[in-house]
PDB file of N, CA and C in Angstrom:
ATOM      1  N   MET A   1     -36.643  72.016 -27.598  1.00  0.00           N
ATOM      2  CA  MET A   1     -36.596  70.615 -27.940  1.00  0.00           C
ATOM      3  C   MET A   1     -35.792  70.466 -29.240  1.00  0.00           C
ATOM      4  N   PRO A   2     -34.735  69.641 -29.252  1.00  0.00           N
ATOM      5  CA  PRO A   2     -33.919  69.486 -30.458  1.00  0.00           C
ATOM      6  C   PRO A   2     -34.669  68.702 -31.537  1.00  0.00           C
ATOM      7  N   ALA A   3     -34.346  69.042 -32.759  1.00  0.00           N
ATOM      8  CA  ALA A   3     -34.983  68.359 -33.893  1.00  0.00           C
ATOM      9  C   ALA A   3     -34.462  66.926 -33.989  1.00  0.00           C
ATOM     10  N   ALA A   4     -35.318  66.025 -34.447  1.00  0.00           N
ATOM     11  CA  ALA A   4     -34.926  64.628 -34.631  1.00  0.00           C
ATOM     12  C   ALA A   4     -33.923  64.534 -35.779  1.00  0.00           C
ATOM     13  N   PRO A   5     -32.960  63.625 -35.674  1.00  0.00           N
ATOM     14  CA  PRO A   5     -31.987  63.492 -36.760  1.00  0.00           C
ATOM     15  C   PRO A   5     -32.637  63.005 -38.049  1.00  0.00           C
ATOM     16  N   ALA A   6     -32.151  63.523 -39.165  1.00  0.00           N
ATOM     17  CA  ALA A   6     -32.668  63.143 -40.484  1.00  0.00           C
ATOM     18  C   ALA A   6     -31.850  61.971 -41.017  1.00  0.00           C
ATOM     19  N   ASN A   7     -32.191  60.767 -40.568  1.00  0.00           N
ATOM     20  CA  ASN A   7     -31.420  59.570 -40.912  1.00  0.00           C
ATOM     21  C   ASN A   7     -31.958  58.810 -42.114  1.00  0.00           C
ATOM     22  N   GLY A   8     -32.950  59.339 -42.792  1.00  0.00           N
ATOM     23  CA  GLY A   8     -33.598  58.611 -43.881  1.00  0.00           C
ATOM     24  C   GLY A   8     -32.699  58.284 -45.049  1.00  0.00           C
ATOM     25  N   MET A   9     -31.852  59.212 -45.437  1.00  0.00           N
ATOM     26  CA  MET A   9     -30.987  58.977 -46.607  1.00  0.00           C
ATOM     27  C   MET A   9     -29.963  57.879 -46.328  1.00  0.00           C
ATOM     28  N   GLY A  10     -29.386  57.882 -45.142  1.00  0.00           N
ATOM     29  CA  GLY A  10     -28.417  56.848 -44.798  1.00  0.00           C
ATOM     30  C   GLY A  10     -29.045  55.469 -44.741  1.00  0.00           C
ATOM     31  N   VAL A  11     -30.239  55.388 -44.160  1.00  0.00           N
ATOM     32  CA  VAL A  11     -30.944  54.110 -44.080  1.00  0.00           C
ATOM     33  C   VAL A  11     -31.348  53.639 -45.479  1.00  0.00           C
ATOM     34  N   ALA A  12     -31.837  54.547 -46.300  1.00  0.00           N
ATOM     35  CA  ALA A  12     -32.213  54.182 -47.671  1.00  0.00           C
ATOM     36  C   ALA A  12     -30.995  53.693 -48.449  1.00  0.00           C
ATOM     37  N   GLY A  13     -29.858  54.361 -48.281  1.00  0.00           N
ATOM     38  CA  GLY A  13     -28.635  53.923 -48.958  1.00  0.00           C
ATOM     39  C   GLY A  13     -28.207  52.537 -48.518  1.00  0.00           C
ATOM     40  N   LEU A  14     -28.309  52.269 -47.210  1.00  0.00           N
ATOM     41  CA  LEU A  14     -27.927  50.954 -46.703  1.00  0.00           C
ATOM     42  C   LEU A  14     -28.857  49.869 -47.221  1.00  0.00           C
ATOM     43  N   VAL A  15     -30.151  50.106 -47.188  1.00  0.00           N
ATOM     44  CA  VAL A  15     -31.115  49.100 -47.659  1.00  0.00           C
ATOM     45  C   VAL A  15     -30.917  48.834 -49.150  1.00  0.00           C
ATOM     46  N   LEU A  16     -30.803  49.888 -49.937  1.00  0.00           N
ATOM     47  CA  LEU A  16     -30.604  49.701 -51.382  1.00  0.00           C
ATOM     48  C   LEU A  16     -29.280  49.008 -51.678  1.00  0.00           C
ATOM     49  N   GLY A  17     -28.243  49.347 -50.924  1.00  0.00           N
ATOM     50  CA  GLY A  17     -26.942  48.711 -51.130  1.00  0.00           C
ATOM     51  C   GLY A  17     -26.971  47.226 -50.822  1.00  0.00           C
ATOM     52  N   ILE A  18     -27.639  46.864 -49.732  1.00  0.00           N
ATOM     53  CA  ILE A  18     -27.732  45.440 -49.391  1.00  0.00           C
ATOM     54  C   ILE A  18     -28.532  44.692 -50.445  1.00  0.00           C
ATOM     55  N   VAL A  19     -29.636  45.264 -50.895  1.00  0.00           N
ATOM     56  CA  VAL A  19     -30.448  44.602 -51.924  1.00  0.00           C
ATOM     57  C   VAL A  19     -29.655  44.470 -53.226  1.00  0.00           C
ATOM     58  N   ALA A  20     -28.901  45.502 -53.591  1.00  0.00           N
ATOM     59  CA  ALA A  20     -28.102  45.439 -54.819  1.00  0.00           C
ATOM     60  C   ALA A  20     -27.037  44.355 -54.725  1.00  0.00           C
ATOM     61  N   ALA A  21     -26.414  44.206 -53.565  1.00  0.00           N
ATOM     62  CA  ALA A  21     -25.379  43.188 -53.410  1.00  0.00           C
ATOM     63  C   ALA A  21     -25.971  41.780 -53.392  1.00  0.00           C
ATOM     64  N   VAL A  22     -27.194  41.646 -52.898  1.00  0.00           N
ATOM     65  CA  VAL A  22     -27.811  40.319 -52.815  1.00  0.00           C
ATOM     66  C   VAL A  22     -28.356  39.877 -54.174  1.00  0.00           C
ATOM     67  N   VAL A  23     -28.939  40.780 -54.942  1.00  0.00           N
ATOM     68  CA  VAL A  23     -29.573  40.393 -56.212  1.00  0.00           C
ATOM     69  C   VAL A  23     -28.685  40.731 -57.413  1.00  0.00           C
ATOM     70  N   PHE A  24     -27.388  40.581 -57.254  1.00  0.00           N
ATOM     71  CA  PHE A  24     -26.482  40.960 -58.341  1.00  0.00           C
ATOM     72  C   PHE A  24     -26.682  40.111 -59.586  1.00  0.00           C
ATOM     73  N   CYS A  25     -27.266  38.927 -59.465  1.00  0.00           N
ATOM     74  CA  CYS A  25     -27.518  38.096 -60.653  1.00  0.00           C
ATOM     75  C   CYS A  25     -28.584  38.720 -61.551  1.00  0.00           C
ATOM     76  N   LEU A  26     -29.448  39.523 -60.969  1.00  0.00           N
ATOM     77  CA  LEU A  26     -30.403  40.305 -61.766  1.00  0.00           C
ATOM     78  C   LEU A  26     -29.704  41.619 -62.104  1.00  0.00           C
ATOM     79  N   TRP A  27     -28.721  41.542 -62.986  1.00  0.00           N
ATOM     80  CA  TRP A  27     -27.757  42.632 -63.163  1.00  0.00           C
ATOM     81  C   TRP A  27     -28.357  43.984 -63.509  1.00  0.00           C
ATOM     82  N   PRO A  28     -29.422  44.100 -64.305  1.00  0.00           N
ATOM     83  CA  PRO A  28     -29.938  45.452 -64.564  1.00  0.00           C
ATOM     84  C   PRO A  28     -30.492  46.097 -63.295  1.00  0.00           C
ATOM     85  N   LEU A  29     -31.209  45.317 -62.503  1.00  0.00           N
ATOM     86  CA  LEU A  29     -31.765  45.829 -61.256  1.00  0.00           C
ATOM     87  C   LEU A  29     -30.664  46.163 -60.260  1.00  0.00           C
ATOM     88  N   ALA A  30     -29.653  45.317 -60.175  1.00  0.00           N
ATOM     89  CA  ALA A  30     -28.556  45.547 -59.233  1.00  0.00           C
ATOM     90  C   ALA A  30     -27.766  46.803 -59.587  1.00  0.00           C
ATOM     91  N   ILE A  31     -27.588  47.077 -60.864  1.00  0.00           N
ATOM     92  CA  ILE A  31     -26.851  48.283 -61.256  1.00  0.00           C
ATOM     93  C   ILE A  31     -27.640  49.527 -60.864  1.00  0.00           C
ATOM     94  N   VAL A  32     -28.932  49.535 -61.134  1.00  0.00           N
ATOM     95  CA  VAL A  32     -29.756  50.697 -60.789  1.00  0.00           C
ATOM     96  C   VAL A  32     -29.793  50.895 -59.269  1.00  0.00           C
ATOM     97  N   LEU A  33     -30.060  49.817 -58.533  1.00  0.00           N
ATOM     98  CA  LEU A  33     -30.131  49.926 -57.079  1.00  0.00           C
ATOM     99  C   LEU A  33     -28.785  50.310 -56.471  1.00  0.00           C
ATOM    100  N   GLY A  34     -27.705  49.793 -57.033  1.00  0.00           N
ATOM    101  CA  GLY A  34     -26.380  50.126 -56.526  1.00  0.00           C
ATOM    102  C   GLY A  34     -26.041  51.592 -56.725  1.00  0.00           C
ATOM    103  N   ILE A  35     -26.386  52.122 -57.881  1.00  0.00           N
ATOM    104  CA  ILE A  35     -26.129  53.547 -58.136  1.00  0.00           C
ATOM    105  C   ILE A  35     -26.966  54.408 -57.189  1.00  0.00           C
ATOM    106  N   LEU A  36     -28.223  54.037 -56.991  1.00  0.00           N
ATOM    107  CA  LEU A  36     -29.065  54.779 -56.050  1.00  0.00           C
ATOM    108  C   LEU A  36     -28.516  54.685 -54.620  1.00  0.00           C
ATOM    109  N   ALA A  37     -27.995  53.519 -54.257  1.00  0.00           N
ATOM    110  CA  ALA A  37     -27.422  53.355 -52.919  1.00  0.00           C
ATOM    111  C   ALA A  37     -26.218  54.261 -52.719  1.00  0.00           C
ATOM    112  N   VAL A  38     -25.378  54.368 -53.725  1.00  0.00           N
ATOM    113  CA  VAL A  38     -24.209  55.241 -53.618  1.00  0.00           C
ATOM    114  C   VAL A  38     -24.652  56.702 -53.494  1.00  0.00           C
ATOM    115  N   ILE A  39     -25.648  57.092 -54.265  1.00  0.00           N
ATOM    116  CA  ILE A  39     -26.131  58.480 -54.201  1.00  0.00           C
ATOM    117  C   ILE A  39     -26.754  58.781 -52.843  1.00  0.00           C
ATOM    118  N   PHE A  40     -27.668  57.904 -52.393  1.00  0.00           N
ATOM    119  CA  PHE A  40     -28.305  58.130 -51.091  1.00  0.00           C
ATOM    120  C   PHE A  40     -27.289  58.066 -49.958  1.00  0.00           C
ATOM    121  N   GLY A  41     -26.315  57.172 -50.074  1.00  0.00           N
ATOM    122  CA  GLY A  41     -25.280  57.082 -49.051  1.00  0.00           C
ATOM    123  C   GLY A  41     -24.434  58.337 -48.984  1.00  0.00           C
ATOM    124  N   ALA A  42     -24.112  58.897 -50.145  1.00  0.00           N
ATOM    125  CA  ALA A  42     -23.317  60.130 -50.165  1.00  0.00           C
ATOM    126  C   ALA A  42     -24.094  61.294 -49.554  1.00  0.00           C
ATOM    127  N   VAL A  43     -25.373  61.380 -49.861  1.00  0.00           N
ATOM    128  CA  VAL A  43     -26.204  62.439 -49.271  1.00  0.00           C
ATOM    129  C   VAL A  43     -26.315  62.234 -47.759  1.00  0.00           C
ATOM    130  N   GLY A  44     -26.477  60.986 -47.334  1.00  0.00           N
ATOM    131  CA  GLY A  44     -26.549  60.683 -45.912  1.00  0.00           C
ATOM    132  C   GLY A  44     -25.257  61.006 -45.182  1.00  0.00           C
ATOM    133  N   ARG A  45     -24.103  60.719 -45.814  1.00  0.00           N
ATOM    134  CA  ARG A  45     -22.805  61.067 -45.198  1.00  0.00           C
ATOM    135  C   ARG A  45     -22.662  62.573 -45.068  1.00  0.00           C
ATOM    136  N   ARG A  46     -23.101  63.303 -46.088  1.00  0.00           N
ATOM    137  CA  ARG A  46     -23.012  64.763 -46.031  1.00  0.00           C
ATOM    138  C   ARG A  46     -23.880  65.307 -44.895  1.00  0.00           C
ATOM    139  N   LYS A  47     -25.084  64.755 -44.747  1.00  0.00           N
ATOM    140  CA  LYS A  47     -25.950  65.194 -43.650  1.00  0.00           C
ATOM    141  C   LYS A  47     -25.346  64.850 -42.290  1.00  0.00           C
ATOM    142  N   ALA A  48     -24.672  63.704 -42.203  1.00  0.00           N
ATOM    143  CA  ALA A  48     -24.047  63.317 -40.937  1.00  0.00           C
ATOM    144  C   ALA A  48     -22.879  64.249 -40.604  1.00  0.00           C
ATOM    145  N   ARG A  49     -22.112  64.631 -41.619  1.00  0.00           N
ATOM    146  CA  ARG A  49     -20.998  65.567 -41.385  1.00  0.00           C
ATOM    147  C   ARG A  49     -21.494  66.941 -40.966  1.00  0.00           C
ATOM    148  N   GLN A  50     -22.652  67.336 -41.472  1.00  0.00           N
ATOM    149  CA  GLN A  50     -23.220  68.640 -41.127  1.00  0.00           C
ATOM    150  C   GLN A  50     -23.923  68.613 -39.774  1.00  0.00           C
ATOM    151  N   GLY A  51     -24.112  67.433 -39.210  1.00  0.00           N
ATOM    152  CA  GLY A  51     -24.765  67.309 -37.917  1.00  0.00           C
ATOM    153  C   GLY A  51     -26.269  67.122 -37.987  1.00  0.00           C
ATOM    154  N   ALA A  52     -26.831  67.034 -39.188  1.00  0.00           N
ATOM    155  CA  ALA A  52     -28.274  66.857 -39.328  1.00  0.00           C
ATOM    156  C   ALA A  52     -28.690  65.401 -39.168  1.00  0.00           C
ATOM    157  N   ALA A  53     -27.738  64.465 -39.259  1.00  0.00           N
ATOM    158  CA  ALA A  53     -28.026  63.038 -39.123  1.00  0.00           C
ATOM    159  C   ALA A  53     -27.001  62.414 -38.182  1.00  0.00           C
ATOM    160  N   THR A  54     -27.342  61.243 -37.666  1.00  0.00           N
ATOM    161  CA  THR A  54     -26.453  60.562 -36.720  1.00  0.00           C
ATOM    162  C   THR A  54     -25.977  59.209 -37.217  1.00  0.00           C
ATOM    163  N   ASN A  55     -26.232  58.883 -38.466  1.00  0.00           N
ATOM    164  CA  ASN A  55     -25.904  57.545 -38.964  1.00  0.00           C
ATOM    165  C   ASN A  55     -24.924  57.598 -40.135  1.00  0.00           C
ATOM    166  N   GLY A  56     -23.817  58.256 -39.943  1.00  0.00           N
ATOM    167  CA  GLY A  56     -22.811  58.318 -41.000  1.00  0.00           C
ATOM    168  C   GLY A  56     -22.245  56.957 -41.352  1.00  0.00           C
ATOM    169  N   GLY A  57     -22.141  56.062 -40.360  1.00  0.00           N
ATOM    170  CA  GLY A  57     -21.639  54.713 -40.615  1.00  0.00           C
ATOM    171  C   GLY A  57     -22.578  53.901 -41.490  1.00  0.00           C
ATOM    172  N   GLN A  58     -23.863  54.029 -41.258  1.00  0.00           N
ATOM    173  CA  GLN A  58     -24.835  53.330 -42.103  1.00  0.00           C
ATOM    174  C   GLN A  58     -24.779  53.852 -43.534  1.00  0.00           C
ATOM    175  N   ALA A  59     -24.632  55.147 -43.668  1.00  0.00           N
ATOM    176  CA  ALA A  59     -24.557  55.729 -45.009  1.00  0.00           C
ATOM    177  C   ALA A  59     -23.305  55.231 -45.737  1.00  0.00           C
ATOM    178  N   LEU A  60     -22.184  55.154 -45.017  1.00  0.00           N
ATOM    179  CA  LEU A  60     -20.955  54.646 -45.624  1.00  0.00           C
ATOM    180  C   LEU A  60     -21.113  53.180 -46.015  1.00  0.00           C
ATOM    181  N   ALA A  61     -21.725  52.383 -45.138  1.00  0.00           N
ATOM    182  CA  ALA A  61     -21.960  50.974 -45.458  1.00  0.00           C
ATOM    183  C   ALA A  61     -22.866  50.834 -46.678  1.00  0.00           C
ATOM    184  N   GLY A  62     -23.851  51.716 -46.819  1.00  0.00           N
ATOM    185  CA  GLY A  62     -24.712  51.692 -47.997  1.00  0.00           C
ATOM    186  C   GLY A  62     -23.946  52.002 -49.269  1.00  0.00           C
ATOM    187  N   MET A  63     -23.022  52.964 -49.176  1.00  0.00           N
ATOM    188  CA  MET A  63     -22.199  53.285 -50.347  1.00  0.00           C
ATOM    189  C   MET A  63     -21.317  52.100 -50.731  1.00  0.00           C
ATOM    190  N   ILE A  64     -20.742  51.442 -49.743  1.00  0.00           N
ATOM    191  CA  ILE A  64     -19.863  50.299 -50.022  1.00  0.00           C
ATOM    192  C   ILE A  64     -20.655  49.135 -50.595  1.00  0.00           C
ATOM    193  N   CYS A  65     -21.786  48.801 -49.976  1.00  0.00           N
ATOM    194  CA  CYS A  65     -22.613  47.699 -50.480  1.00  0.00           C
ATOM    195  C   CYS A  65     -23.138  48.002 -51.878  1.00  0.00           C
ATOM    196  N   GLY A  66     -23.511  49.242 -52.139  1.00  0.00           N
ATOM    197  CA  GLY A  66     -23.975  49.620 -53.465  1.00  0.00           C
ATOM    198  C   GLY A  66     -22.885  49.474 -54.513  1.00  0.00           C
ATOM    199  N   ALA A  67     -21.663  49.895 -54.166  1.00  0.00           N
ATOM    200  CA  ALA A  67     -20.548  49.761 -55.102  1.00  0.00           C
ATOM    201  C   ALA A  67     -20.221  48.293 -55.358  1.00  0.00           C
ATOM    202  N   VAL A  68     -20.283  47.471 -54.317  1.00  0.00           N
ATOM    203  CA  VAL A  68     -20.040  46.032 -54.485  1.00  0.00           C
ATOM    204  C   VAL A  68     -21.126  45.411 -55.355  1.00  0.00           C
ATOM    205  N   GLY A  69     -22.383  45.807 -55.140  1.00  0.00           N
ATOM    206  CA  GLY A  69     -23.472  45.293 -55.959  1.00  0.00           C
ATOM    207  C   GLY A  69     -23.315  45.653 -57.425  1.00  0.00           C
ATOM    208  N   VAL A  70     -22.911  46.891 -57.694  1.00  0.00           N
ATOM    209  CA  VAL A  70     -22.682  47.311 -59.086  1.00  0.00           C
ATOM    210  C   VAL A  70     -21.520  46.524 -59.690  1.00  0.00           C
ATOM    211  N   ALA A  71     -20.441  46.365 -58.933  1.00  0.00           N
ATOM    212  CA  ALA A  71     -19.278  45.638 -59.446  1.00  0.00           C
ATOM    213  C   ALA A  71     -19.633  44.184 -59.756  1.00  0.00           C
ATOM    214  N   LEU A  72     -20.354  43.528 -58.869  1.00  0.00           N
ATOM    215  CA  LEU A  72     -20.758  42.142 -59.117  1.00  0.00           C
ATOM    216  C   LEU A  72     -21.695  42.041 -60.320  1.00  0.00           C
ATOM    217  N   ALA A  73     -22.602  42.987 -60.462  1.00  0.00           N
ATOM    218  CA  ALA A  73     -23.520  42.976 -61.599  1.00  0.00           C
ATOM    219  C   ALA A  73     -22.769  43.171 -62.915  1.00  0.00           C
ATOM    220  N   VAL A  74     -21.763  44.033 -62.902  1.00  0.00           N
ATOM    221  CA  VAL A  74     -20.965  44.244 -64.116  1.00  0.00           C
ATOM    222  C   VAL A  74     -20.178  42.976 -64.462  1.00  0.00           C
ATOM    223  N   VAL A  75     -19.673  42.279 -63.447  1.00  0.00           N
ATOM    224  CA  VAL A  75     -18.964  41.016 -63.700  1.00  0.00           C
ATOM    225  C   VAL A  75     -19.915  39.997 -64.322  1.00  0.00           C
ATOM    226  N   VAL A  76     -21.132  39.901 -63.812  1.00  0.00           N
ATOM    227  CA  VAL A  76     -22.117  38.981 -64.386  1.00  0.00           C
ATOM    228  C   VAL A  76     -22.425  39.378 -65.823  1.00  0.00           C
ATOM    229  N   LEU A  77     -22.572  40.660 -66.080  1.00  0.00           N
ATOM    230  CA  LEU A  77     -22.852  41.122 -67.443  1.00  0.00           C
ATOM    231  C   LEU A  77     -21.707  40.778 -68.389  1.00  0.00           C
ATOM    232  N   VAL A  78     -20.473  40.987 -67.955  1.00  0.00           N
ATOM    233  CA  VAL A  78     -19.313  40.668 -68.802  1.00  0.00           C
ATOM    234  C   VAL A  78     -19.257  39.172 -69.066  1.00  0.00           C
ATOM    235  N   ILE A  79     -19.514  38.364 -68.050  1.00  0.00           N
ATOM    236  CA  ILE A  79     -19.512  36.912 -68.252  1.00  0.00           C
ATOM    237  C   ILE A  79     -20.593  36.514 -69.247  1.00  0.00           C
ATOM    238  N   LEU A  80     -21.768  37.122 -69.149  1.00  0.00           N
ATOM    239  CA  LEU A  80     -22.848  36.792 -70.093  1.00  0.00           C
ATOM    240  C   LEU A  80     -22.504  37.198 -71.519  1.00  0.00           C
ATOM    241  N   LEU A  81     -21.770  38.283 -71.667  1.00  0.00           N
ATOM    242  CA  LEU A  81     -21.413  38.749 -73.009  1.00  0.00           C
ATOM    243  C   LEU A  81     -20.231  38.001 -73.604  1.00  0.00           C
ATOM    244  N   VAL A  82     -19.301  37.559 -72.769  1.00  0.00           N
ATOM    245  CA  VAL A  82     -18.068  36.953 -73.269  1.00  0.00           C
ATOM    246  C   VAL A  82     -18.201  35.457 -73.472  1.00  0.00           C
ATOM    247  N   VAL A  83     -18.834  34.764 -72.564  1.00  0.00           N
ATOM    248  CA  VAL A  83     -18.932  33.308 -72.642  1.00  0.00           C
ATOM    249  C   VAL A  83     -20.061  32.943 -73.601  1.00  0.00           C
ATOM    250  N   PRO A  84     -19.733  32.240 -74.692  1.00  0.00           N
ATOM    251  CA  PRO A  84     -20.792  31.864 -75.638  1.00  0.00           C
ATOM    252  C   PRO A  84     -21.600  30.685 -75.088  1.00  0.00           C
ATOM    253  N   ASP A  85     -22.848  30.630 -75.476  1.00  0.00           N
ATOM    254  CA  ASP A  85     -23.639  29.472 -75.083  1.00  0.00           C
ATOM    255  C   ASP A  85     -23.449  28.362 -76.107  1.00  0.00           C
ATOM    256  N   GLU A  86     -23.901  27.165 -75.782  1.00  0.00           N
ATOM    257  CA  GLU A  86     -23.677  26.017 -76.647  1.00  0.00           C
ATOM    258  C   GLU A  86     -24.461  26.100 -77.948  1.00  0.00           C
ATOM    259  N   SER A  87     -25.618  26.732 -77.941  1.00  0.00           N
ATOM    260  CA  SER A  87     -26.440  26.777 -79.139  1.00  0.00           C
ATOM    261  C   SER A  87     -25.860  27.722 -80.192  1.00  0.00           C
ATOM    262  N   SER A  88     -25.047  28.692 -79.786  1.00  0.00           N
ATOM    263  CA  SER A  88     -24.508  29.627 -80.770  1.00  0.00           C
ATOM    264  C   SER A  88     -23.504  28.955 -81.693  1.00  0.00           C
ATOM    265  N   ALA A  89     -22.757  27.960 -81.223  1.00  0.00           N
ATOM    266  CA  ALA A  89     -21.803  27.249 -82.076  1.00  0.00           C
ATOM    267  C   ALA A  89     -22.548  26.415 -83.120  1.00  0.00           C
ATOM    268  N   ALA A  90     -23.638  25.787 -82.723  1.00  0.00           N
ATOM    269  CA  ALA A  90     -24.408  24.970 -83.659  1.00  0.00           C
ATOM    270  C   ALA A  90     -25.143  25.851 -84.667  1.00  0.00           C
ATOM    271  N   ASP A  91     -25.593  27.022 -84.245  1.00  0.00           N
ATOM    272  CA  ASP A  91     -26.301  27.926 -85.147  1.00  0.00           C
ATOM    273  C   ASP A  91     -25.385  28.467 -86.238  1.00  0.00           C
ATOM    274  N   LEU A  92     -24.111  28.613 -85.934  1.00  0.00           N
ATOM    275  CA  LEU A  92     -23.165  29.155 -86.899  1.00  0.00           C
ATOM    276  C   LEU A  92     -22.561  28.080 -87.789  1.00  0.00           C
ATOM    277  N   GLY A  93     -23.025  26.841 -87.672  1.00  0.00           N
ATOM    278  CA  GLY A  93     -22.526  25.767 -88.519  1.00  0.00           C
ATOM    279  C   GLY A  93     -21.300  25.102 -87.950  1.00  0.00           C
ATOM    280  N   GLY A  94     -20.910  25.435 -86.770  1.00  0.00           N
ATOM    281  CA  GLY A  94     -19.745  24.827 -86.149  1.00  0.00           C
ATOM    282  C   GLY A  94     -20.083  23.475 -85.561  1.00  0.00           C
ATOM    283  N   ALA A  95     -19.051  22.708 -85.314  1.00  0.00           N
ATOM    284  CA  ALA A  95     -19.248  21.395 -84.713  1.00  0.00           C
ATOM    285  C   ALA A  95     -19.560  21.572 -83.232  1.00  0.00           C
ATOM    286  N   PRO A  96     -20.391  20.721 -82.678  1.00  0.00           N
ATOM    287  CA  PRO A  96     -20.681  20.826 -81.248  1.00  0.00           C
ATOM    288  C   PRO A  96     -19.427  20.551 -80.422  1.00  0.00           C
ATOM    289  N   VAL A  97     -19.335  21.201 -79.326  1.00  0.00           N
ATOM    290  CA  VAL A  97     -18.180  21.054 -78.460  1.00  0.00           C
ATOM    291  C   VAL A  97     -18.364  19.805 -77.617  1.00  0.00           C
ATOM    292  N   PRO A  98     -17.382  18.864 -77.649  1.00  0.00           N
ATOM    293  CA  PRO A  98     -17.543  17.653 -76.838  1.00  0.00           C
ATOM    294  C   PRO A  98     -17.414  17.965 -75.358  1.00  0.00           C
ATOM    295  N   VAL A  99     -18.187  17.248 -74.569  1.00  0.00           N
ATOM    296  CA  VAL A  99     -18.173  17.417 -73.121  1.00  0.00           C
ATOM    297  C   VAL A  99     -17.334  16.302 -72.530  1.00  0.00           C
ATOM    298  N   ALA A 100     -16.429  16.619 -71.638  1.00  0.00           N
ATOM    299  CA  ALA A 100     -15.571  15.639 -71.015  1.00  0.00           C
ATOM    300  C   ALA A 100     -16.404  14.631 -70.230  1.00  0.00           C
ATOM    301  N   GLY A 101     -16.147  13.340 -70.431  1.00  0.00           N
ATOM    302  CA  GLY A 101     -16.847  12.301 -69.696  1.00  0.00           C
ATOM    303  C   GLY A 101     -18.161  11.875 -70.322  1.00  0.00           C
ATOM    304  N   ALA A 102     -18.562  12.515 -71.405  1.00  0.00           N
ATOM    305  CA  ALA A 102     -19.819  12.152 -72.050  1.00  0.00           C
ATOM    306  C   ALA A 102     -19.585  10.989 -73.006  1.00  0.00           C
ATOM    307  N   SER A 103     -20.496  10.058 -73.033  1.00  0.00           N
ATOM    308  CA  SER A 103     -20.359   8.929 -73.932  1.00  0.00           C
ATOM    309  C   SER A 103     -20.863   9.304 -75.324  1.00  0.00           C
ATOM    310  N   GLY A 104     -20.291   8.694 -76.335  1.00  0.00           N
ATOM    311  CA  GLY A 104     -20.648   9.008 -77.713  1.00  0.00           C
ATOM    312  C   GLY A 104     -21.797   8.161 -78.224  1.00  0.00           C
ATOM    313  N   VAL A 105     -22.583   7.588 -77.381  1.00  0.00           N
ATOM    314  CA  VAL A 105     -23.665   6.691 -77.793  1.00  0.00           C
ATOM    315  C   VAL A 105     -24.875   7.454 -78.216  1.00  0.00           C
TER     316      VAL A 105
END
């Protein structure tokens, strides 16, 4: 009787990759999950190449989704660091930035 395929790593990589891509606004969680997805996906691809697993495509999709989740999370982090909020200008003694279309009343 042949042994059952060891598809756990590929499935775990795919699930983590999808979650990382969906929750990229929670950037710390998305970065961690995305890195784990890439690692599990790579292990799953290696097992599929060796013949121990049958889901090499799922593992590859997990690696791709994980990388996309990490990239989106990094973009959100850069935007949060680069774009100043409105209260920081007032805290530094600067004049408030006028908003287009706002009345001065």
